[in-house]
Amino acid sequence: MSSNKKEKPLHALIAGSTAGAIEACITYPTEFVKTRSQFGGQRESPLTIIRTTIRERGIVGLYSGCSALVVGNSVKAGVRFVSYDHFKSMLADSEGKVSAPRSLLAGLGAGVMEAIIAVTPSETIKTKLIDDAKRPNPQYRGLVHGTISIVRQEGIAGVYRGLFPVMMRQGANSAVRFTTYTTLKQFVQSTARPGQQLPSGITFAIGAIAGFVTVYVTQPLEYV
C-alpha cells in the first residue's frame, strides 16, 4: 500500500507532462496566430497571418516557438497535477474528503506554482521567439539558443516579466477548473452504485464542462 502511495506523484507528473506536450503540439498554430495578432504591430486577421506565414516560411513557420510552449506546457501540466494532489492531501479532512472551498484553495495553490515554475518563463520565451521569427534576419536559432541569448541580454528577470498577472490568471484558472471538475465528478459518482467506476466518456464530458466554465469565468484575466 505504501509503495502505491509513493508512486502516485510520479504517475501524476508523467500523465500531466505527456498530456501537456500533446496539447501544445496539437493547438500550437492557434497559439502562434493569437500571439502574432497581439504583437504584430499592425492588425491582421488570423487568415492573413496564416497565409502570409505559409507563403514566406511554409507550414513549419506556424510552429515557430513551438518547442518553448511544448516544454512549458509539459512542465506546467506536471507541476499543476502534482501540486494540486499535494495541496489537496494537505487540506483533506480525516476521511480524506476535500470540500469545494478547500479544492478551490488547492487549485489556487497549484496555479500559482505552475505560473512561477513554468508558465511565465515559457510564455515570455515563446513570445520573443515568435516575434523574432517574423524579422528578415532572426537572431535566435531555436529554443536553447534563444533562451540563453535572452537570459544573457536581460538576466533571469527578463523571462519573469509580468509574473504577478500570470500568477493571478493561472491561480484562478486552476482553482475554477479543479473545483468544477471535482464537484461535478463527486456529484455524478454519488448517483452511481458504490464502487462503480465512471465511464471514460463521462469523465471526458466532465473535463470538457470544467474547461468551458473555466474559460468564461477567467477570460477577463487574459486581458490583465
Protein backbone atom coordinates (compact mmCIF):
# COMPACT_ATOMS: atom_id res chain seq x y z
CA MET A 1 0.00 0.00 0.00
CA SER A 2 2.74 2.47 0.93
CA SER A 3 4.61 1.86 -2.33
CA ASN A 4 1.49 2.68 -4.32
CA LYS A 5 1.12 5.98 -2.50
CA LYS A 6 4.70 6.88 -3.30
CA GLU A 7 4.13 6.21 -6.97
CA LYS A 8 1.11 8.48 -7.27
CA PRO A 9 3.03 11.79 -7.59
CA LEU A 10 5.23 10.25 -10.29
CA HIS A 11 2.18 8.96 -12.15
CA ALA A 12 0.57 12.41 -11.95
CA LEU A 13 3.78 14.03 -13.17
CA ILE A 14 4.18 11.68 -16.15
CA ALA A 15 0.49 11.78 -17.11
CA GLY A 16 0.27 15.55 -16.76
CA SER A 17 3.50 16.23 -18.64
CA THR A 18 2.56 13.91 -21.51
CA ALA A 19 -0.92 15.41 -21.82
CA GLY A 20 0.55 18.93 -21.74
CA ALA A 21 3.05 18.16 -24.51
CA ILE A 22 0.40 16.60 -26.76
CA GLU A 23 -1.98 19.51 -26.16
CA ALA A 24 0.74 22.04 -27.04
CA CYS A 25 1.68 20.25 -30.29
CA ILE A 26 -1.93 19.99 -31.49
CA THR A 27 -3.05 23.51 -30.60
CA TYR A 28 0.16 25.46 -31.27
CA PRO A 29 -0.79 27.01 -34.67
CA THR A 30 -3.74 28.77 -32.98
CA GLU A 31 -1.40 30.00 -30.23
CA PHE A 32 1.02 31.25 -32.89
CA VAL A 33 -1.71 33.18 -34.70
CA LYS A 34 -3.02 34.67 -31.44
CA THR A 35 0.43 35.82 -30.37
CA ARG A 36 1.24 37.30 -33.79
CA SER A 37 -2.06 39.18 -33.85
CA GLN A 38 -1.35 40.65 -30.40
CA PHE A 39 2.24 41.68 -31.02
CA GLY A 40 2.40 42.14 -34.76
CA GLY A 41 2.17 45.96 -34.65
CA GLN A 42 -0.48 46.25 -37.37
CA ARG A 43 -3.79 44.47 -37.04
CA GLU A 44 -4.04 41.38 -39.24
CA SER A 45 -6.81 38.84 -39.45
CA PRO A 46 -5.98 35.24 -38.45
CA LEU A 47 -6.36 34.04 -42.05
CA THR A 48 -3.98 36.77 -43.28
CA ILE A 49 -1.38 35.75 -40.71
CA ILE A 50 -1.70 32.08 -41.70
CA ARG A 51 -1.46 32.79 -45.45
CA THR A 52 1.50 35.16 -45.04
CA THR A 53 3.37 32.79 -42.76
CA ILE A 54 2.87 29.76 -45.00
CA ARG A 55 3.84 31.75 -48.11
CA GLU A 56 7.04 33.09 -46.55
CA ARG A 57 8.14 30.21 -44.30
CA GLY A 58 5.95 27.22 -45.14
CA ILE A 59 3.86 25.15 -42.71
CA VAL A 60 6.88 24.98 -40.40
CA GLY A 61 6.54 28.73 -39.88
CA LEU A 62 3.31 28.16 -37.96
CA TYR A 63 5.36 26.25 -35.40
CA SER A 64 7.95 28.98 -34.70
CA GLY A 65 8.48 28.98 -30.94
CA CYS A 66 6.61 25.68 -30.56
CA SER A 67 9.41 23.99 -28.63
CA ALA A 68 9.17 26.62 -25.88
CA LEU A 69 5.44 26.01 -25.47
CA VAL A 70 5.79 22.21 -25.60
CA VAL A 71 8.41 22.23 -22.84
CA GLY A 72 6.50 24.86 -20.87
CA ASN A 73 3.18 23.05 -21.24
CA SER A 74 4.71 19.73 -20.21
CA VAL A 75 6.26 21.22 -17.09
CA LYS A 76 3.12 23.28 -16.40
CA ALA A 77 0.79 20.29 -16.55
CA GLY A 78 3.12 18.14 -14.47
CA VAL A 79 3.53 20.83 -11.81
CA ARG A 80 -0.21 21.54 -11.82
CA PHE A 81 -1.29 17.97 -11.12
CA VAL A 82 1.47 17.17 -8.63
CA SER A 83 0.90 20.46 -6.77
CA TYR A 84 -2.86 20.02 -6.73
CA ASP A 85 -2.56 16.47 -5.36
CA HIS A 86 -0.13 17.72 -2.71
CA PHE A 87 -2.27 20.66 -1.60
CA LYS A 88 -5.43 18.54 -1.74
CA SER A 89 -3.91 15.90 0.55
CA MET A 90 -2.85 18.65 2.96
CA LEU A 91 -6.37 20.12 3.04
CA ALA A 92 -8.32 16.83 3.18
CA ASP A 93 -10.36 16.06 6.28
CA SER A 94 -9.94 12.99 8.50
CA GLU A 95 -11.91 10.88 5.99
CA GLY A 96 -9.76 12.01 3.08
CA LYS A 97 -12.52 14.17 1.56
CA VAL A 98 -11.95 17.68 0.21
CA SER A 99 -14.76 20.25 0.31
CA ALA A 100 -15.35 22.63 -2.61
CA PRO A 101 -13.76 25.63 -0.83
CA ARG A 102 -10.67 23.58 0.02
CA SER A 103 -10.49 22.24 -3.52
CA LEU A 104 -10.63 25.86 -4.70
CA LEU A 105 -7.71 26.70 -2.41
CA ALA A 106 -5.72 23.67 -3.60
CA GLY A 107 -6.33 24.66 -7.23
CA LEU A 108 -5.26 28.22 -6.49
CA GLY A 109 -2.01 26.98 -4.98
CA ALA A 110 -1.38 24.69 -7.96
CA GLY A 111 -1.97 27.56 -10.38
CA VAL A 112 0.46 29.84 -8.56
CA MET A 113 3.12 27.11 -8.58
CA GLU A 114 2.77 26.47 -12.32
CA ALA A 115 2.89 30.21 -13.04
CA ILE A 116 6.20 30.55 -11.20
CA ILE A 117 7.89 27.36 -12.37
CA ALA A 118 6.66 27.03 -15.96
CA VAL A 119 4.10 29.43 -17.44
CA THR A 120 5.76 32.82 -17.04
CA PRO A 121 9.20 31.88 -18.43
CA SER A 122 7.82 29.68 -21.23
CA GLU A 123 5.31 32.31 -22.41
CA THR A 124 7.95 35.05 -22.35
CA ILE A 125 10.41 32.96 -24.37
CA LYS A 126 7.68 31.78 -26.77
CA THR A 127 6.54 35.34 -27.44
CA LYS A 128 10.10 36.53 -28.08
CA LEU A 129 10.78 33.60 -30.44
CA ILE A 130 7.59 34.27 -32.41
CA ASP A 131 8.33 37.99 -32.63
CA ASP A 132 11.92 37.27 -33.70
CA ALA A 133 10.85 34.76 -36.37
CA LYS A 134 8.98 37.41 -38.39
CA ARG A 135 12.10 39.56 -38.78
CA PRO A 136 14.07 39.44 -42.05
CA ASN A 137 17.13 38.19 -40.14
CA PRO A 138 16.08 36.33 -36.97
CA GLN A 139 18.68 36.38 -34.21
CA TYR A 140 17.51 33.29 -32.30
CA ARG A 141 18.41 29.82 -33.57
CA GLY A 142 15.81 27.79 -31.74
CA LEU A 143 14.72 27.34 -28.13
CA VAL A 144 18.07 26.73 -26.43
CA HIS A 145 19.96 29.49 -28.24
CA GLY A 146 17.03 31.89 -27.81
CA THR A 147 16.73 31.19 -24.08
CA ILE A 148 20.47 31.62 -23.48
CA SER A 149 20.50 34.84 -25.51
CA ILE A 150 17.50 36.30 -23.66
CA VAL A 151 18.99 35.48 -20.24
CA ARG A 152 22.36 36.95 -21.27
CA GLN A 153 20.76 40.15 -22.53
CA GLU A 154 18.09 40.68 -19.88
CA GLY A 155 19.03 38.40 -16.98
CA ILE A 156 16.70 35.93 -15.25
CA ALA A 157 14.31 38.82 -14.58
CA GLY A 158 13.86 39.10 -18.35
CA VAL A 159 11.94 35.83 -18.51
CA TYR A 160 9.84 36.66 -15.44
CA ARG A 161 8.27 39.90 -16.58
CA GLY A 162 4.56 40.01 -15.85
CA LEU A 163 4.83 37.29 -13.19
CA PHE A 164 2.08 38.69 -10.92
CA PRO A 165 -0.65 38.89 -13.61
CA VAL A 166 0.27 35.37 -14.75
CA MET A 167 0.02 34.13 -11.15
CA MET A 168 -3.44 35.71 -10.90
CA ARG A 169 -4.54 34.16 -14.19
CA GLN A 170 -3.16 30.66 -13.60
CA GLY A 171 -4.27 30.62 -9.97
CA ALA A 172 -7.84 31.49 -10.93
CA ASN A 173 -7.73 29.10 -13.89
CA SER A 174 -6.65 26.08 -11.85
CA ALA A 175 -8.90 26.98 -8.92
CA VAL A 176 -12.02 27.14 -11.10
CA ARG A 177 -11.04 24.16 -13.27
CA PHE A 178 -10.24 21.74 -10.44
CA THR A 179 -13.15 22.83 -8.26
CA THR A 180 -15.65 22.49 -11.12
CA TYR A 181 -14.21 19.13 -12.17
CA THR A 182 -14.10 17.73 -8.63
CA THR A 183 -17.60 18.97 -7.76
CA LEU A 184 -19.15 17.57 -10.94
CA LYS A 185 -17.31 14.27 -10.59
CA GLN A 186 -18.40 13.85 -6.97
CA PHE A 187 -22.00 14.64 -7.94
CA VAL A 188 -22.02 12.09 -10.77
CA GLN A 189 -20.35 9.45 -8.61
CA SER A 190 -22.97 9.99 -5.90
CA THR A 191 -25.64 8.85 -8.38
CA ALA A 192 -23.73 5.69 -9.34
CA ARG A 193 -23.58 2.38 -7.50
CA PRO A 194 -20.97 2.20 -4.69
CA GLY A 195 -17.56 1.25 -6.12
CA GLN A 196 -18.66 1.74 -9.73
CA GLN A 197 -16.06 3.40 -11.96
CA LEU A 198 -17.22 6.25 -14.17
CA PRO A 199 -17.01 5.52 -17.91
CA SER A 200 -14.23 7.38 -19.74
CA GLY A 201 -16.83 9.20 -21.86
CA ILE A 202 -18.46 10.71 -18.78
CA THR A 203 -15.09 11.66 -17.32
CA PHE A 204 -14.21 13.35 -20.63
CA ALA A 205 -17.53 15.21 -20.62
CA ILE A 206 -16.94 16.40 -17.04
CA GLY A 207 -13.48 17.66 -18.03
CA ALA A 208 -14.91 19.42 -21.07
CA ILE A 209 -17.57 21.16 -18.97
CA ALA A 210 -14.93 22.18 -16.42
CA GLY A 211 -12.81 23.65 -19.22
CA PHE A 212 -15.81 25.51 -20.67
CA VAL A 213 -16.67 27.03 -17.29
CA THR A 214 -13.02 27.96 -16.67
CA VAL A 215 -12.71 29.83 -19.96
CA TYR A 216 -15.75 32.00 -19.34
CA VAL A 217 -15.04 32.67 -15.66
CA THR A 218 -11.34 33.57 -16.11
CA GLN A 219 -11.50 35.28 -19.53
CA PRO A 220 -11.21 38.84 -18.07
CA LEU A 221 -7.81 37.93 -16.59
CA GLU A 222 -6.49 37.24 -20.11
CA TYR A 223 -6.51 40.99 -20.67
CA VAL A 224 -4.67 41.89 -17.46
